[in-house]
Amino acid sequence: MPAVELTDTPRPGCPHCHGTGAVEQDSAAGVPITAYCDCWRPERAWLLAYVPRWIARRWLGWTDRPYFTDAPPF
């Protein structure tokens, strides 16, 4: 169901992540570990209102069909 949701974004002037919201750390095995920065919490979101389907289709371009497919065109 289409909805309007207000979400948190990373702080653009953050000195730790430089606005990306994540900080990469090197581990002992040489594989980078990505951790969220303190300036951003992606789980924080508020649902403001559900949008009726006819409004979402007409003005927001929403569709029930998937946008992309892995089926070949031939």
N, C-alpha and C. Protein backbone atom coordinates (compact mmCIF):
# COMPACT_ATOMS: atom_id res chain seq x y z
N MET A 1 0.85 -1.17 0.00
CA MET A 1 0.00 0.00 0.00
C MET A 1 0.90 1.23 0.00
N PRO A 2 0.64 2.19 -0.86
CA PRO A 2 1.46 3.41 -0.89
C PRO A 2 1.22 4.26 0.36
N ALA A 3 2.29 4.89 0.83
CA ALA A 3 2.20 5.71 2.03
C ALA A 3 3.24 6.83 1.96
N VAL A 4 3.02 7.86 2.75
CA VAL A 4 3.98 8.94 2.91
C VAL A 4 4.70 8.69 4.22
N GLU A 5 6.03 8.60 4.14
CA GLU A 5 6.81 8.27 5.33
C GLU A 5 7.92 9.31 5.50
N LEU A 6 8.09 9.78 6.70
CA LEU A 6 9.14 10.73 7.03
C LEU A 6 10.30 9.94 7.63
N THR A 7 11.49 10.04 7.01
CA THR A 7 12.64 9.28 7.48
C THR A 7 13.79 10.20 7.85
N ASP A 8 14.68 9.68 8.64
CA ASP A 8 15.86 10.40 9.07
C ASP A 8 16.94 10.28 7.99
N THR A 9 17.75 11.33 7.83
CA THR A 9 18.86 11.30 6.88
C THR A 9 20.15 11.63 7.63
N PRO A 10 21.30 11.22 7.09
CA PRO A 10 22.56 11.54 7.75
C PRO A 10 22.80 13.05 7.74
N ARG A 11 23.50 13.54 8.75
CA ARG A 11 23.83 14.96 8.84
C ARG A 11 24.93 15.28 7.82
N PRO A 12 24.71 16.23 6.91
CA PRO A 12 25.70 16.51 5.86
C PRO A 12 27.04 17.00 6.38
N GLY A 13 27.09 17.71 7.49
CA GLY A 13 28.34 18.24 8.00
C GLY A 13 29.00 17.39 9.07
N CYS A 14 28.69 16.13 9.13
CA CYS A 14 29.26 15.25 10.16
C CYS A 14 30.76 15.05 9.89
N PRO A 15 31.61 15.28 10.90
CA PRO A 15 33.05 15.11 10.67
C PRO A 15 33.50 13.64 10.61
N HIS A 16 32.66 12.72 11.08
CA HIS A 16 33.06 11.31 11.09
C HIS A 16 32.76 10.61 9.78
N CYS A 17 31.54 10.78 9.27
CA CYS A 17 31.13 10.05 8.06
C CYS A 17 31.06 10.94 6.82
N HIS A 18 31.19 12.25 6.99
CA HIS A 18 31.14 13.21 5.88
C HIS A 18 29.82 13.15 5.12
N GLY A 19 28.74 12.90 5.83
CA GLY A 19 27.41 12.92 5.24
C GLY A 19 26.94 11.63 4.61
N THR A 20 27.72 10.56 4.68
CA THR A 20 27.28 9.30 4.08
C THR A 20 26.45 8.45 5.04
N GLY A 21 26.62 8.64 6.34
CA GLY A 21 25.85 7.89 7.33
C GLY A 21 26.49 6.60 7.78
N ALA A 22 27.60 6.21 7.16
CA ALA A 22 28.28 4.97 7.53
C ALA A 22 29.78 5.21 7.60
N VAL A 23 30.42 4.47 8.48
CA VAL A 23 31.86 4.56 8.65
C VAL A 23 32.45 3.18 8.42
N GLU A 24 33.43 3.08 7.53
CA GLU A 24 34.08 1.79 7.26
C GLU A 24 35.29 1.64 8.16
N GLN A 25 35.39 0.47 8.76
CA GLN A 25 36.51 0.16 9.64
C GLN A 25 37.20 -1.09 9.11
N ASP A 26 38.50 -1.12 9.21
CA ASP A 26 39.25 -2.31 8.78
C ASP A 26 39.26 -3.34 9.90
N SER A 27 39.04 -4.58 9.54
CA SER A 27 39.09 -5.65 10.53
C SER A 27 40.44 -6.36 10.45
N ALA A 28 40.67 -7.28 11.35
CA ALA A 28 41.93 -8.01 11.38
C ALA A 28 42.08 -8.93 10.16
N ALA A 29 40.96 -9.37 9.60
CA ALA A 29 41.00 -10.28 8.45
C ALA A 29 41.16 -9.54 7.13
N GLY A 30 41.17 -8.21 7.17
CA GLY A 30 41.31 -7.43 5.95
C GLY A 30 40.00 -7.13 5.25
N VAL A 31 38.89 -7.56 5.81
CA VAL A 31 37.58 -7.29 5.24
C VAL A 31 37.02 -6.03 5.89
N PRO A 32 36.61 -5.03 5.10
CA PRO A 32 36.08 -3.82 5.73
C PRO A 32 34.74 -4.07 6.42
N ILE A 33 34.56 -3.48 7.58
CA ILE A 33 33.32 -3.58 8.35
C ILE A 33 32.64 -2.21 8.30
N THR A 34 31.38 -2.19 7.91
CA THR A 34 30.63 -0.95 7.82
C THR A 34 29.74 -0.81 9.04
N ALA A 35 29.84 0.32 9.71
CA ALA A 35 29.02 0.60 10.88
C ALA A 35 28.30 1.93 10.68
N TYR A 36 27.09 2.04 11.21
CA TYR A 36 26.35 3.29 11.11
C TYR A 36 27.00 4.35 11.99
N CYS A 37 27.00 5.57 11.50
CA CYS A 37 27.51 6.70 12.26
C CYS A 37 26.48 7.12 13.32
N ASP A 38 26.93 7.83 14.35
CA ASP A 38 26.02 8.28 15.41
C ASP A 38 25.07 9.38 14.95
N CYS A 39 25.35 10.03 13.82
CA CYS A 39 24.50 11.12 13.36
C CYS A 39 23.27 10.62 12.61
N TRP A 40 23.15 9.32 12.40
CA TRP A 40 22.05 8.79 11.59
C TRP A 40 21.55 7.48 12.18
N ARG A 41 20.22 7.38 12.30
CA ARG A 41 19.59 6.13 12.72
C ARG A 41 18.58 5.74 11.64
N PRO A 42 18.92 4.79 10.78
CA PRO A 42 18.01 4.45 9.66
C PRO A 42 16.71 3.80 10.11
N GLU A 43 16.67 3.24 11.31
CA GLU A 43 15.43 2.60 11.77
C GLU A 43 14.40 3.61 12.25
N ARG A 44 14.79 4.87 12.36
CA ARG A 44 13.87 5.90 12.83
C ARG A 44 13.07 6.46 11.65
N ALA A 45 11.80 6.16 11.62
CA ALA A 45 10.91 6.63 10.55
C ALA A 45 9.49 6.74 11.11
N TRP A 46 8.76 7.67 10.55
CA TRP A 46 7.38 7.89 10.98
C TRP A 46 6.46 7.80 9.78
N LEU A 47 5.42 7.00 9.91
CA LEU A 47 4.41 6.89 8.87
C LEU A 47 3.42 8.03 9.06
N LEU A 48 3.34 8.91 8.07
CA LEU A 48 2.47 10.07 8.20
C LEU A 48 1.04 9.77 7.76
N ALA A 49 0.89 9.17 6.58
CA ALA A 49 -0.46 8.89 6.09
C ALA A 49 -0.39 7.88 4.95
N TYR A 50 -1.43 7.08 4.87
CA TYR A 50 -1.57 6.21 3.71
C TYR A 50 -2.15 7.02 2.57
N VAL A 51 -1.70 6.75 1.37
CA VAL A 51 -2.18 7.45 0.18
C VAL A 51 -3.12 6.51 -0.56
N PRO A 52 -4.31 6.99 -0.94
CA PRO A 52 -5.19 6.14 -1.74
C PRO A 52 -4.52 5.74 -3.06
N ARG A 53 -4.81 4.53 -3.52
CA ARG A 53 -4.13 4.01 -4.71
C ARG A 53 -4.37 4.86 -5.95
N TRP A 54 -5.56 5.42 -6.13
CA TRP A 54 -5.81 6.20 -7.34
C TRP A 54 -4.99 7.49 -7.34
N ILE A 55 -4.75 8.08 -6.19
CA ILE A 55 -3.89 9.27 -6.12
C ILE A 55 -2.43 8.88 -6.36
N ALA A 56 -2.00 7.76 -5.79
CA ALA A 56 -0.63 7.32 -5.98
C ALA A 56 -0.35 6.97 -7.43
N ARG A 57 -1.30 6.37 -8.11
CA ARG A 57 -1.11 6.03 -9.52
C ARG A 57 -1.11 7.27 -10.40
N ARG A 58 -2.02 8.19 -10.14
CA ARG A 58 -2.17 9.35 -11.02
C ARG A 58 -1.06 10.37 -10.82
N TRP A 59 -0.76 10.74 -9.59
CA TRP A 59 0.17 11.85 -9.34
C TRP A 59 1.56 11.42 -8.90
N LEU A 60 1.70 10.24 -8.32
CA LEU A 60 3.01 9.82 -7.84
C LEU A 60 3.67 8.77 -8.73
N GLY A 61 2.96 8.28 -9.73
CA GLY A 61 3.51 7.29 -10.64
C GLY A 61 3.69 5.92 -10.04
N TRP A 62 2.95 5.62 -8.97
CA TRP A 62 3.06 4.34 -8.29
C TRP A 62 2.36 3.26 -9.10
N THR A 63 2.90 2.05 -9.09
CA THR A 63 2.29 0.94 -9.80
C THR A 63 2.43 -0.33 -8.97
N ASP A 64 1.54 -1.28 -9.19
CA ASP A 64 1.61 -2.56 -8.50
C ASP A 64 2.65 -3.49 -9.13
N ARG A 65 3.01 -3.22 -10.38
CA ARG A 65 3.97 -4.06 -11.09
C ARG A 65 5.39 -3.70 -10.69
N PRO A 66 6.31 -4.66 -10.73
CA PRO A 66 7.71 -4.34 -10.43
C PRO A 66 8.31 -3.49 -11.55
N TYR A 67 9.22 -2.62 -11.19
CA TYR A 67 9.84 -1.75 -12.18
C TYR A 67 10.86 -2.49 -13.04
N PHE A 68 11.56 -3.42 -12.46
CA PHE A 68 12.63 -4.12 -13.17
C PHE A 68 12.35 -5.61 -13.17
N THR A 69 12.84 -6.27 -14.19
CA THR A 69 12.69 -7.71 -14.28
C THR A 69 14.01 -8.29 -14.78
N ASP A 70 14.25 -9.56 -14.47
CA ASP A 70 15.45 -10.22 -14.96
C ASP A 70 15.17 -11.09 -16.16
N ALA A 71 13.96 -11.02 -16.71
CA ALA A 71 13.61 -11.79 -17.88
C ALA A 71 14.22 -11.15 -19.14
N PRO A 72 14.78 -11.94 -20.02
CA PRO A 72 15.37 -11.35 -21.23
C PRO A 72 14.26 -10.80 -22.15
N PRO A 73 14.57 -9.81 -22.97
CA PRO A 73 13.54 -9.21 -23.81
C PRO A 73 13.17 -10.02 -25.03
N PHE A 74 13.83 -11.13 -25.28
CA PHE A 74 13.52 -11.93 -26.47
C PHE A 74 12.79 -13.19 -26.14
